[in-house]
N, C-alpha and C. Protein backbone atom coordinates (compact mmCIF):
# COMPACT_ATOMS: atom_id res chain seq x y z
N UNK A 1 10.36 -9.98 -16.77
CA UNK A 1 10.55 -8.70 -15.89
C UNK A 1 9.14 -8.60 -15.05
N UNK A 2 8.25 -8.86 -15.83
CA UNK A 2 6.84 -9.27 -14.41
C UNK A 2 6.99 -10.36 -13.40
N UNK A 3 7.59 -11.05 -13.83
CA UNK A 3 7.49 -12.06 -12.63
C UNK A 3 8.50 -11.74 -11.55
N UNK A 4 9.75 -10.62 -12.30
CA UNK A 4 10.76 -10.28 -10.99
C UNK A 4 9.62 -9.15 -10.43
N UNK A 5 8.79 -8.30 -10.97
CA UNK A 5 8.46 -7.48 -9.74
C UNK A 5 7.15 -7.78 -9.04
N UNK A 6 6.38 -9.09 -9.32
CA UNK A 6 5.62 -10.09 -8.81
C UNK A 6 6.20 -10.46 -7.48
N UNK A 7 7.37 -10.95 -7.65
CA UNK A 7 8.17 -11.27 -6.59
C UNK A 7 8.38 -10.49 -5.44
N UNK A 8 8.75 -9.59 -6.47
CA UNK A 8 9.70 -8.71 -5.25
C UNK A 8 8.36 -7.57 -4.25
N UNK A 9 7.22 -7.50 -4.83
CA UNK A 9 5.85 -7.35 -4.28
C UNK A 9 5.83 -8.61 -3.00
N UNK A 10 5.94 -9.89 -3.73
CA UNK A 10 5.82 -10.83 -2.14
C UNK A 10 6.41 -10.20 -1.41
N UNK A 11 7.83 -10.27 -2.01
CA UNK A 11 8.37 -9.86 -0.94
C UNK A 11 8.20 -9.04 0.20
N UNK A 12 8.14 -7.72 -0.40
CA UNK A 12 7.65 -6.83 0.10
C UNK A 12 6.74 -6.68 1.37
N UNK A 13 5.53 -7.73 0.59
CA UNK A 13 4.18 -8.18 1.57
C UNK A 13 4.45 -8.92 2.64
N UNK A 14 5.66 -9.89 2.57
CA UNK A 14 5.69 -10.76 3.37
C UNK A 14 6.83 -10.17 4.55
N UNK A 15 7.56 -9.08 4.27
CA UNK A 15 8.31 -8.32 5.36
C UNK A 15 7.10 -7.41 5.91
N UNK A 16 6.56 -6.75 5.08
CA UNK A 16 4.96 -5.93 5.82
C UNK A 16 4.56 -6.78 6.92
N UNK A 17 4.32 -7.89 6.48
CA UNK A 17 3.46 -8.83 7.47
C UNK A 17 4.33 -9.17 8.74
N UNK A 18 5.45 -9.36 8.56
CA UNK A 18 6.40 -9.24 9.75
C UNK A 18 6.59 -8.67 10.39
N UNK A 19 7.10 -7.65 9.73
CA UNK A 19 7.28 -5.92 10.48
C UNK A 19 6.10 -5.17 11.38
N UNK A 20 4.79 -5.77 11.04
CA UNK A 20 3.51 -5.00 11.52
C UNK A 20 2.71 -6.10 12.42
N UNK A 21 3.73 -7.21 12.20
CA UNK A 21 2.53 -8.63 12.77
C UNK A 21 1.38 -8.87 12.07
N UNK A 22 1.43 -8.47 10.86
CA UNK A 22 -0.02 -8.78 10.23
C UNK A 22 -0.24 -10.60 9.98
N UNK A 23 -1.55 -11.03 10.48
CA UNK A 23 -1.86 -11.91 9.87
C UNK A 23 -3.19 -12.10 9.36
N UNK A 24 -3.74 -12.83 8.58
CA UNK A 24 -5.21 -12.92 8.00
C UNK A 24 -5.67 -14.45 8.27
N UNK A 25 -7.23 -14.01 8.40
CA UNK A 25 -7.96 -15.39 8.76
C UNK A 25 -8.02 -17.04 8.04
N UNK A 26 -8.21 -15.73 6.72
CA UNK A 26 -7.91 -17.05 5.41
C UNK A 26 -7.11 -17.10 4.56
N UNK A 27 -6.64 -17.75 3.76
CA UNK A 27 -5.31 -17.34 2.35
C UNK A 27 -6.44 -16.66 1.51
N UNK A 28 -7.65 -16.61 1.73
CA UNK A 28 -8.34 -15.57 0.63
C UNK A 28 -8.65 -14.30 1.37
N UNK A 29 -8.23 -14.12 2.33
CA UNK A 29 -8.10 -12.90 3.23
C UNK A 29 -6.67 -12.40 2.69
N UNK A 30 -5.75 -13.16 2.93
CA UNK A 30 -4.34 -12.62 2.28
C UNK A 30 -4.08 -12.43 1.14
N UNK A 31 -4.56 -13.04 0.26
CA UNK A 31 -4.85 -12.59 -1.24
C UNK A 31 -5.46 -11.44 -1.37
N UNK A 32 -6.20 -11.25 -0.57
CA UNK A 32 -7.22 -9.58 -1.28
C UNK A 32 -6.34 -8.74 -0.48
N UNK A 33 -5.78 -9.01 0.72
CA UNK A 33 -4.61 -7.92 1.05
C UNK A 33 -3.44 -7.51 0.50
N UNK A 34 -3.32 -8.68 -0.37
CA UNK A 34 -1.90 -8.52 -1.17
C UNK A 34 -2.53 -7.64 -2.39
N UNK A 35 -3.67 -7.79 -2.73
CA UNK A 35 -3.80 -7.11 -3.67
C UNK A 35 -3.89 -5.80 -3.44
N UNK A 36 -4.45 -5.44 -2.43
CA UNK A 36 -4.75 -3.90 -1.89
C UNK A 36 -3.28 -3.49 -1.56
N UNK A 37 -2.34 -3.95 -1.09
CA UNK A 37 -1.16 -3.94 -0.71
C UNK A 37 -0.06 -3.47 -2.04
N UNK A 38 -0.47 -4.47 -2.91
CA UNK A 38 0.14 -3.65 -4.70
C UNK A 38 -0.26 -2.58 -5.08
N UNK A 39 -1.52 -2.20 -5.06
CA UNK A 39 -2.14 -1.15 -5.39
C UNK A 39 -1.62 -0.08 -4.49
N UNK A 40 -1.90 -0.06 -3.08
CA UNK A 40 -0.97 0.86 -2.74
C UNK A 40 0.49 1.31 -2.76
N UNK A 41 1.03 -0.18 -2.94
CA UNK A 41 2.88 0.11 -3.52
C UNK A 41 2.47 1.00 -5.05
N UNK A 42 1.69 0.42 -6.09
CA UNK A 42 2.08 1.37 -7.00
C UNK A 42 1.86 2.47 -7.01
N UNK A 43 1.02 3.32 -6.12
CA UNK A 43 0.39 4.45 -5.37
C UNK A 43 1.69 5.47 -5.05
N UNK A 44 2.75 4.50 -4.40
CA UNK A 44 3.47 5.10 -3.07
C UNK A 44 4.77 5.01 -4.20
N UNK A 45 4.71 4.06 -5.29
CA UNK A 45 5.55 4.55 -6.26
C UNK A 45 5.75 5.88 -7.48
N UNK A 46 4.42 5.75 -7.60
CA UNK A 46 4.24 6.48 -8.64
C UNK A 46 4.39 8.30 -7.99
N UNK A 47 3.94 8.19 -6.56
CA UNK A 47 3.94 9.46 -6.01
C UNK A 47 5.68 9.80 -5.67
N UNK A 48 6.11 8.42 -5.35
CA UNK A 48 7.80 8.78 -5.05
C UNK A 48 8.64 9.29 -6.41
N UNK A 49 8.24 8.89 -7.54
CA UNK A 49 8.53 9.47 -8.73
C UNK A 49 8.51 11.02 -9.15
N UNK A 50 7.26 11.04 -8.72
CA UNK A 50 7.05 12.89 -8.98
C UNK A 50 8.05 13.56 -7.81
N UNK A 51 8.09 12.87 -6.67
CA UNK A 51 9.15 13.82 -5.46
C UNK A 51 10.68 13.84 -6.32
N UNK A 52 11.12 12.32 -7.10
CA UNK A 52 12.20 12.55 -7.57
C UNK A 52 12.35 13.74 -8.76
N UNK A 53 11.15 14.00 -9.33
CA UNK A 53 11.17 15.16 -10.11
C UNK A 53 11.14 16.45 -9.71
N UNK A 54 10.87 16.56 -8.41
CA UNK A 54 10.85 17.94 -7.98
C UNK A 54 9.15 18.26 -7.79
N UNK A 55 8.53 17.07 -8.17
CA UNK A 55 6.66 17.74 -8.23
C UNK A 55 6.06 17.54 -7.09
N UNK A 56 6.59 17.21 -6.04
CA UNK A 56 5.91 17.42 -4.82
C UNK A 56 7.06 17.16 -3.72
N UNK A 57 6.94 17.49 -2.05
CA UNK A 57 7.97 17.75 -1.37
C UNK A 57 8.19 16.86 -0.29
N UNK A 58 7.35 16.01 -0.84
CA UNK A 58 7.62 14.57 0.60
C UNK A 58 7.68 13.61 -0.64
N UNK A 59 8.11 12.35 0.59
CA UNK A 59 8.29 11.26 0.06
C UNK A 59 7.14 9.98 0.97
N UNK A 60 6.86 8.77 0.06
CA UNK A 60 6.02 8.01 1.03
C UNK A 60 6.41 6.70 1.15
N UNK A 61 5.95 5.97 1.81
CA UNK A 61 6.62 4.53 2.43
C UNK A 61 5.64 4.21 2.63
N UNK A 62 5.85 2.45 2.81
CA UNK A 62 5.19 1.15 3.30
C UNK A 62 5.19 2.06 4.89
N UNK A 63 3.65 1.38 5.17
CA UNK A 63 3.29 1.69 6.76
C UNK A 63 2.38 0.69 7.31
N UNK A 64 1.92 0.87 8.59
CA UNK A 64 0.81 -0.12 9.12
C UNK A 64 -0.50 -0.29 8.17
N UNK A 65 -0.81 1.10 7.94
CA UNK A 65 -1.88 0.76 6.92
C UNK A 65 -1.86 0.26 5.24
N UNK A 66 -0.53 0.14 5.08
CA UNK A 66 -0.43 -0.26 3.29
C UNK A 66 -1.66 -1.45 3.09
N UNK A 67 -2.36 -2.38 4.02
CA UNK A 67 -2.84 -3.49 3.37
C UNK A 67 -4.17 -3.19 3.37
N UNK A 68 -4.66 -1.59 3.64
CA UNK A 68 -6.21 -1.04 3.73
C UNK A 68 -6.04 -0.54 2.30
N UNK A 69 -7.67 -0.42 1.92
CA UNK A 69 -8.11 0.15 1.20
C UNK A 69 -8.44 1.72 1.48
N UNK A 70 -8.66 2.85 0.88
CA UNK A 70 -8.80 4.06 1.19
C UNK A 70 -10.08 4.11 2.06
N UNK A 71 -11.01 3.09 2.18
CA UNK A 71 -12.53 3.42 2.61
C UNK A 71 -12.20 2.58 3.84
N UNK A 72 -11.43 1.74 3.84
CA UNK A 72 -11.04 1.15 5.18
C UNK A 72 -10.46 2.31 6.14
N UNK A 73 -9.46 2.84 5.40
CA UNK A 73 -8.72 3.80 6.20
C UNK A 73 -9.10 5.13 6.75
N UNK A 74 -10.07 5.45 5.85
CA UNK A 74 -11.02 6.35 6.09
C UNK A 74 -12.41 6.46 7.28
N UNK A 75 -12.61 4.85 7.09
CA UNK A 75 -13.61 4.52 8.26
C UNK A 75 -12.79 4.29 9.60
N UNK A 76 -11.72 3.84 9.15
CA UNK A 76 -10.89 3.83 10.69
C UNK A 76 -10.31 4.88 11.30
N UNK A 77 -10.38 6.06 10.15
CA UNK A 77 -9.63 6.89 11.08
C UNK A 77 -11.02 8.47 11.11
N UNK A 78 -11.98 7.69 11.37
CA UNK A 78 -12.86 8.47 12.13
C UNK A 78 -13.82 9.46 10.64
N UNK A 79 -13.65 8.66 9.55
CA UNK A 79 -14.58 9.29 8.72
C UNK A 79 -13.73 10.14 7.86
N UNK A 80 -12.86 10.31 8.01
CA UNK A 80 -11.78 11.17 7.03
C UNK A 80 -12.18 10.51 5.83
N UNK A 81 -12.60 11.50 4.61
CA UNK A 81 -12.29 11.12 3.23
C UNK A 81 -11.35 12.15 2.28
N UNK A 82 -10.48 11.50 1.66
CA UNK A 82 -9.65 12.30 1.13
C UNK A 82 -10.42 13.13 -0.28
N UNK A 83 -10.07 13.84 -1.19
CA UNK A 83 -10.70 14.75 -1.82
C UNK A 83 -10.66 13.86 -3.29
N UNK A 84 -11.55 13.34 -3.93
CA UNK A 84 -12.00 12.28 -5.12
C UNK A 84 -10.50 12.85 -6.08
N UNK A 85 -9.89 13.61 -6.22
CA UNK A 85 -9.19 14.22 -7.23
C UNK A 85 -7.59 14.39 -6.48
N UNK A 86 -7.76 14.40 -5.13
CA UNK A 86 -6.36 14.28 -4.12
C UNK A 86 -5.73 12.68 -3.95
N UNK A 87 -4.83 12.53 -4.36
CA UNK A 87 -3.81 11.34 -4.48
C UNK A 87 -2.43 11.11 -3.51
């Protein structure tokens, strides 16, 4: 089962890179971005499960920022920082 999930993540990452025209300077950078993408994907999945249970009012999805860490995203967006307990 874990292999199927990992393959699915890899496929989604490949689609993400194609859709948003992402390319990285090295295989190591690609590996690091994939790890961040996976972390963000898990957050999206967890949030959307809450949506299905009626615990939140919106869904989340993959976007052009899905390969960025929260810190990178905050720096890119003029220093906005989410509250520590806000996910």
